[in-house]
């Protein structure tokens, strides 16, 4: 068995070669590489399947018994990894960061199995998509790169008003 230092993490990506998975992984790596002494043990691909993420995570927990973190880059991967961490009773040791915000992820955030989730801002995505389409229709140039933003949500911040809108958008709808 290979021992890990106290600052090791694994990246669980979903589909190898897609632009979103490449960009998310590059962002994670850029951020982690700025932390001195931090070690990424590897990137593993779940093919977007919770069951495969579960199997990969169980294997990682055996191979790296002192693993400190796992970053999962989409919802099914996050759920599979979280279930493996929960079943191994490693949620006190392994800090799990996930993407997206399904009800199951929110529940695991509440239970401290997942420490944080990265949530997209779909209102911004829709608004900026229409704004850009109108600009193009009017013959104006559009910015080729538009930041639609995302939000890090922790257990301690999940009940704030703005985060509630991101986590539970269906509750904010007018009838």
C-alpha atoms as a PDB file:
ATOM      1  CA  UNK A   1       0.000   0.000   0.000  1.00  0.00           C
ATOM      2  CA  UNK A   2       1.170   3.471  -0.838  1.00  0.00           C
ATOM      3  CA  UNK A   3       1.055   6.011   1.978  1.00  0.00           C
ATOM      4  CA  UNK A   4      -0.199   9.529   1.374  1.00  0.00           C
ATOM      5  CA  UNK A   5       1.036  12.787   2.835  1.00  0.00           C
ATOM      6  CA  UNK A   6      -1.479  14.830   4.785  1.00  0.00           C
ATOM      7  CA  UNK A   7      -2.305  16.975   1.756  1.00  0.00           C
ATOM      8  CA  UNK A   8      -3.255  14.499  -0.967  1.00  0.00           C
ATOM      9  CA  UNK A   9      -6.328  14.491  -3.123  1.00  0.00           C
ATOM     10  CA  UNK A  10      -7.818  12.669  -6.081  1.00  0.00           C
ATOM     11  CA  UNK A  11      -9.807  14.128  -8.944  1.00  0.00           C
ATOM     12  CA  UNK A  12     -12.852  12.182 -10.107  1.00  0.00           C
ATOM     13  CA  UNK A  13     -13.773  13.424 -13.539  1.00  0.00           C
ATOM     14  CA  UNK A  14     -16.657  12.193 -15.671  1.00  0.00           C
ATOM     15  CA  UNK A  15     -16.172  11.886 -19.464  1.00  0.00           C
ATOM     16  CA  UNK A  16     -12.591  12.057 -20.678  1.00  0.00           C
ATOM     17  CA  UNK A  17     -12.047  14.573 -23.467  1.00  0.00           C
ATOM     18  CA  UNK A  18     -15.192  16.710 -23.184  1.00  0.00           C
ATOM     19  CA  UNK A  19     -14.576  20.448 -23.018  1.00  0.00           C
ATOM     20  CA  UNK A  20     -16.403  20.906 -19.704  1.00  0.00           C
ATOM     21  CA  UNK A  21     -14.560  18.040 -18.022  1.00  0.00           C
ATOM     22  CA  UNK A  22     -11.212  19.314 -19.336  1.00  0.00           C
ATOM     23  CA  UNK A  23     -11.934  22.875 -18.207  1.00  0.00           C
ATOM     24  CA  UNK A  24     -13.174  21.832 -14.762  1.00  0.00           C
ATOM     25  CA  UNK A  25     -10.155  19.606 -14.210  1.00  0.00           C
ATOM     26  CA  UNK A  26      -7.752  22.316 -15.382  1.00  0.00           C
ATOM     27  CA  UNK A  27      -9.349  24.744 -12.943  1.00  0.00           C
ATOM     28  CA  UNK A  28      -8.979  22.276 -10.077  1.00  0.00           C
ATOM     29  CA  UNK A  29      -5.366  21.527 -10.995  1.00  0.00           C
ATOM     30  CA  UNK A  30      -4.461  25.213 -11.370  1.00  0.00           C
ATOM     31  CA  UNK A  31      -5.882  25.939  -7.944  1.00  0.00           C
ATOM     32  CA  UNK A  32      -4.332  22.917  -6.190  1.00  0.00           C
ATOM     33  CA  UNK A  33      -0.942  23.454  -7.811  1.00  0.00           C
ATOM     34  CA  UNK A  34      -0.760  26.837  -6.078  1.00  0.00           C
ATOM     35  CA  UNK A  35      -0.753  25.110  -2.674  1.00  0.00           C
ATOM     36  CA  UNK A  36       2.803  24.208  -1.687  1.00  0.00           C
ATOM     37  CA  UNK A  37       3.266  20.548  -0.829  1.00  0.00           C
ATOM     38  CA  UNK A  38      -0.118  19.535  -2.200  1.00  0.00           C
ATOM     39  CA  UNK A  39      -0.188  16.261  -4.115  1.00  0.00           C
ATOM     40  CA  UNK A  40      -2.758  15.129  -6.672  1.00  0.00           C
ATOM     41  CA  UNK A  41      -2.689  11.321  -6.741  1.00  0.00           C
ATOM     42  CA  UNK A  42      -4.403  11.209 -10.134  1.00  0.00           C
ATOM     43  CA  UNK A  43      -7.483  11.781 -12.226  1.00  0.00           C
ATOM     44  CA  UNK A  44      -9.986   8.960 -12.541  1.00  0.00           C
ATOM     45  CA  UNK A  45     -12.962   8.805 -14.917  1.00  0.00           C
ATOM     46  CA  UNK A  46     -16.433   7.632 -13.891  1.00  0.00           C
ATOM     47  CA  UNK A  47     -17.974   7.884 -17.383  1.00  0.00           C
ATOM     48  CA  UNK A  48     -20.646   9.935 -15.604  1.00  0.00           C
ATOM     49  CA  UNK A  49     -21.835   6.859 -13.689  1.00  0.00           C
ATOM     50  CA  UNK A  50     -22.410   6.898  -9.935  1.00  0.00           C
ATOM     51  CA  UNK A  51     -21.706   3.170  -9.663  1.00  0.00           C
ATOM     52  CA  UNK A  52     -18.339   3.542 -11.361  1.00  0.00           C
ATOM     53  CA  UNK A  53     -17.454   6.548  -9.163  1.00  0.00           C
ATOM     54  CA  UNK A  54     -18.369   4.437  -6.121  1.00  0.00           C
ATOM     55  CA  UNK A  55     -16.062   1.602  -7.247  1.00  0.00           C
ATOM     56  CA  UNK A  56     -13.209   3.990  -8.074  1.00  0.00           C
ATOM     57  CA  UNK A  57     -13.537   5.723  -4.711  1.00  0.00           C
ATOM     58  CA  UNK A  58     -13.584   2.445  -2.763  1.00  0.00           C
ATOM     59  CA  UNK A  59     -10.388   1.462  -4.586  1.00  0.00           C
ATOM     60  CA  UNK A  60      -8.766   4.848  -3.873  1.00  0.00           C
ATOM     61  CA  UNK A  61      -9.616   4.571  -0.174  1.00  0.00           C
ATOM     62  CA  UNK A  62      -7.887   1.165  -0.052  1.00  0.00           C
ATOM     63  CA  UNK A  63      -4.881   2.269  -2.106  1.00  0.00           C
ATOM     64  CA  UNK A  64      -4.435   5.580  -0.250  1.00  0.00           C
ATOM     65  CA  UNK A  65      -5.624   5.003   3.340  1.00  0.00           C
ATOM     66  CA  UNK A  66      -4.583   8.537   4.343  1.00  0.00           C
ATOM     67  CA  UNK A  67      -6.246  10.274   1.382  1.00  0.00           C
ATOM     68  CA  UNK A  68      -7.429  13.719   2.497  1.00  0.00           C
ATOM     69  CA  UNK A  69      -9.571  14.970  -0.374  1.00  0.00           C
ATOM     70  CA  UNK A  70     -11.597  14.088  -3.427  1.00  0.00           C
ATOM     71  CA  UNK A  71     -12.857  16.610  -5.968  1.00  0.00           C
ATOM     72  CA  UNK A  72     -15.731  15.307  -8.108  1.00  0.00           C
ATOM     73  CA  UNK A  73     -16.549  17.196 -11.277  1.00  0.00           C
ATOM     74  CA  UNK A  74     -20.225  16.372 -11.855  1.00  0.00           C
ATOM     75  CA  UNK A  75     -23.318  15.244  -9.953  1.00  0.00           C
ATOM     76  CA  UNK A  76     -23.353  11.463 -10.594  1.00  0.00           C
ATOM     77  CA  UNK A  77     -19.628  11.230  -9.846  1.00  0.00           C
ATOM     78  CA  UNK A  78     -20.109  13.238  -6.650  1.00  0.00           C
ATOM     79  CA  UNK A  79     -22.925  10.973  -5.488  1.00  0.00           C
ATOM     80  CA  UNK A  80     -21.005   7.756  -6.161  1.00  0.00           C
ATOM     81  CA  UNK A  81     -17.902   9.012  -4.388  1.00  0.00           C
ATOM     82  CA  UNK A  82     -19.939  10.340  -1.457  1.00  0.00           C
ATOM     83  CA  UNK A  83     -21.665   7.003  -0.999  1.00  0.00           C
ATOM     84  CA  UNK A  84     -18.285   5.230  -0.970  1.00  0.00           C
ATOM     85  CA  UNK A  85     -16.884   7.701   1.572  1.00  0.00           C
ATOM     86  CA  UNK A  86     -20.003   7.259   3.721  1.00  0.00           C
ATOM     87  CA  UNK A  87     -19.928   3.463   3.555  1.00  0.00           C
ATOM     88  CA  UNK A  88     -16.234   3.459   4.513  1.00  0.00           C
ATOM     89  CA  UNK A  89     -16.961   5.879   7.405  1.00  0.00           C
ATOM     90  CA  UNK A  90     -14.214   8.188   6.068  1.00  0.00           C
ATOM     91  CA  UNK A  91     -16.215  11.445   5.936  1.00  0.00           C
ATOM     92  CA  UNK A  92     -14.289  12.881   8.910  1.00  0.00           C
ATOM     93  CA  UNK A  93     -10.976  12.284   7.096  1.00  0.00           C
ATOM     94  CA  UNK A  94     -11.771  12.725   3.397  1.00  0.00           C
ATOM     95  CA  UNK A  95     -12.976  16.164   2.387  1.00  0.00           C
ATOM     96  CA  UNK A  96     -15.271  15.738  -0.599  1.00  0.00           C
ATOM     97  CA  UNK A  97     -16.048  18.627  -2.942  1.00  0.00           C
ATOM     98  CA  UNK A  98     -18.673  18.128  -5.629  1.00  0.00           C
ATOM     99  CA  UNK A  99     -20.329  19.894  -8.546  1.00  0.00           C
ATOM    100  CA  UNK A 100     -24.026  20.600  -9.091  1.00  0.00           C
ATOM    101  CA  UNK A 101     -26.891  20.464  -6.602  1.00  0.00           C
ATOM    102  CA  UNK A 102     -29.264  17.512  -6.672  1.00  0.00           C
ATOM    103  CA  UNK A 103     -31.448  16.738  -3.669  1.00  0.00           C
ATOM    104  CA  UNK A 104     -29.162  13.790  -2.838  1.00  0.00           C
ATOM    105  CA  UNK A 105     -26.091  16.034  -2.894  1.00  0.00           C
ATOM    106  CA  UNK A 106     -27.825  18.587  -0.684  1.00  0.00           C
ATOM    107  CA  UNK A 107     -28.719  15.824   1.784  1.00  0.00           C
ATOM    108  CA  UNK A 108     -25.106  14.615   1.860  1.00  0.00           C
ATOM    109  CA  UNK A 109     -23.946  18.203   2.372  1.00  0.00           C
ATOM    110  CA  UNK A 110     -26.312  18.468   5.350  1.00  0.00           C
ATOM    111  CA  UNK A 111     -24.930  15.161   6.707  1.00  0.00           C
ATOM    112  CA  UNK A 112     -21.311  16.392   6.285  1.00  0.00           C
ATOM    113  CA  UNK A 113     -20.450  13.591   3.836  1.00  0.00           C
ATOM    114  CA  UNK A 114     -19.839  16.290   1.215  1.00  0.00           C
ATOM    115  CA  UNK A 115     -18.064  19.397   2.520  1.00  0.00           C
ATOM    116  CA  UNK A 116     -18.929  21.768  -0.346  1.00  0.00           C
ATOM    117  CA  UNK A 117     -20.651  21.841  -3.706  1.00  0.00           C
ATOM    118  CA  UNK A 118     -19.969  24.107  -6.645  1.00  0.00           C
ATOM    119  CA  UNK A 119     -23.276  25.285  -8.092  1.00  0.00           C
ATOM    120  CA  UNK A 120     -23.792  26.948 -11.455  1.00  0.00           C
ATOM    121  CA  UNK A 121     -26.012  29.981 -11.783  1.00  0.00           C
ATOM    122  CA  UNK A 122     -28.622  28.921 -14.355  1.00  0.00           C
ATOM    123  CA  UNK A 123     -30.442  32.268 -14.323  1.00  0.00           C
ATOM    124  CA  UNK A 124     -27.216  33.974 -15.411  1.00  0.00           C
ATOM    125  CA  UNK A 125     -26.707  31.336 -18.108  1.00  0.00           C
ATOM    126  CA  UNK A 126     -30.164  31.867 -19.555  1.00  0.00           C
ATOM    127  CA  UNK A 127     -30.117  35.647 -19.252  1.00  0.00           C
ATOM    128  CA  UNK A 128     -26.685  36.016 -20.840  1.00  0.00           C
ATOM    129  CA  UNK A 129     -27.553  33.532 -23.610  1.00  0.00           C
ATOM    130  CA  UNK A 130     -30.578  35.624 -24.655  1.00  0.00           C
ATOM    131  CA  UNK A 131     -28.662  38.902 -24.269  1.00  0.00           C
ATOM    132  CA  UNK A 132     -25.878  37.544 -26.494  1.00  0.00           C
ATOM    133  CA  UNK A 133     -28.357  36.237 -29.086  1.00  0.00           C
ATOM    134  CA  UNK A 134     -29.999  39.677 -29.255  1.00  0.00           C
ATOM    135  CA  UNK A 135     -26.603  41.374 -29.674  1.00  0.00           C
ATOM    136  CA  UNK A 136     -25.698  39.018 -32.511  1.00  0.00           C
ATOM    137  CA  UNK A 137     -29.115  39.500 -34.146  1.00  0.00           C
ATOM    138  CA  UNK A 138     -28.536  43.272 -34.041  1.00  0.00           C
ATOM    139  CA  UNK A 139     -25.216  42.795 -35.818  1.00  0.00           C
ATOM    140  CA  UNK A 140     -23.151  43.593 -32.753  1.00  0.00           C
ATOM    141  CA  UNK A 141     -20.096  41.659 -31.686  1.00  0.00           C
ATOM    142  CA  UNK A 142     -20.474  39.337 -28.742  1.00  0.00           C
ATOM    143  CA  UNK A 143     -17.796  38.486 -26.239  1.00  0.00           C
ATOM    144  CA  UNK A 144     -16.500  34.993 -27.075  1.00  0.00           C
ATOM    145  CA  UNK A 145     -16.003  34.229 -23.357  1.00  0.00           C
ATOM    146  CA  UNK A 146     -18.833  34.965 -20.935  1.00  0.00           C
ATOM    147  CA  UNK A 147     -18.485  34.194 -17.244  1.00  0.00           C
ATOM    148  CA  UNK A 148     -21.875  33.000 -15.993  1.00  0.00           C
ATOM    149  CA  UNK A 149     -20.465  32.492 -12.502  1.00  0.00           C
ATOM    150  CA  UNK A 150     -20.820  29.752  -9.945  1.00  0.00           C
ATOM    151  CA  UNK A 151     -21.122  29.618  -6.189  1.00  0.00           C
ATOM    152  CA  UNK A 152     -19.348  27.499  -3.563  1.00  0.00           C
ATOM    153  CA  UNK A 153     -21.890  26.308  -1.034  1.00  0.00           C
ATOM    154  CA  UNK A 154     -20.825  24.905   2.334  1.00  0.00           C
ATOM    155  CA  UNK A 155     -23.029  23.329   4.976  1.00  0.00           C
ATOM    156  CA  UNK A 156     -22.767  26.501   7.075  1.00  0.00           C
ATOM    157  CA  UNK A 157     -23.828  28.724   4.143  1.00  0.00           C
ATOM    158  CA  UNK A 158     -26.467  26.551   2.482  1.00  0.00           C
ATOM    159  CA  UNK A 159     -29.387  28.183   4.280  1.00  0.00           C
ATOM    160  CA  UNK A 160     -28.536  31.746   3.295  1.00  0.00           C
ATOM    161  CA  UNK A 161     -31.212  33.373   1.114  1.00  0.00           C
ATOM    162  CA  UNK A 162     -29.104  33.603  -2.068  1.00  0.00           C
ATOM    163  CA  UNK A 163     -27.836  30.021  -1.733  1.00  0.00           C
ATOM    164  CA  UNK A 164     -31.384  28.783  -1.105  1.00  0.00           C
ATOM    165  CA  UNK A 165     -32.378  30.268  -4.479  1.00  0.00           C
ATOM    166  CA  UNK A 166     -29.591  28.266  -6.151  1.00  0.00           C
ATOM    167  CA  UNK A 167     -30.251  25.031  -4.275  1.00  0.00           C
ATOM    168  CA  UNK A 168     -34.050  25.134  -4.362  1.00  0.00           C
ATOM    169  CA  UNK A 169     -35.089  27.287  -7.350  1.00  0.00           C
ATOM    170  CA  UNK A 170     -38.488  25.596  -7.552  1.00  0.00           C
ATOM    171  CA  UNK A 171     -39.433  27.020  -4.123  1.00  0.00           C
ATOM    172  CA  UNK A 172     -38.982  30.585  -5.368  1.00  0.00           C
ATOM    173  CA  UNK A 173     -41.427  30.294  -8.279  1.00  0.00           C
ATOM    174  CA  UNK A 174     -44.537  32.498  -8.358  1.00  0.00           C
ATOM    175  CA  UNK A 175     -47.757  30.747  -9.241  1.00  0.00           C
END
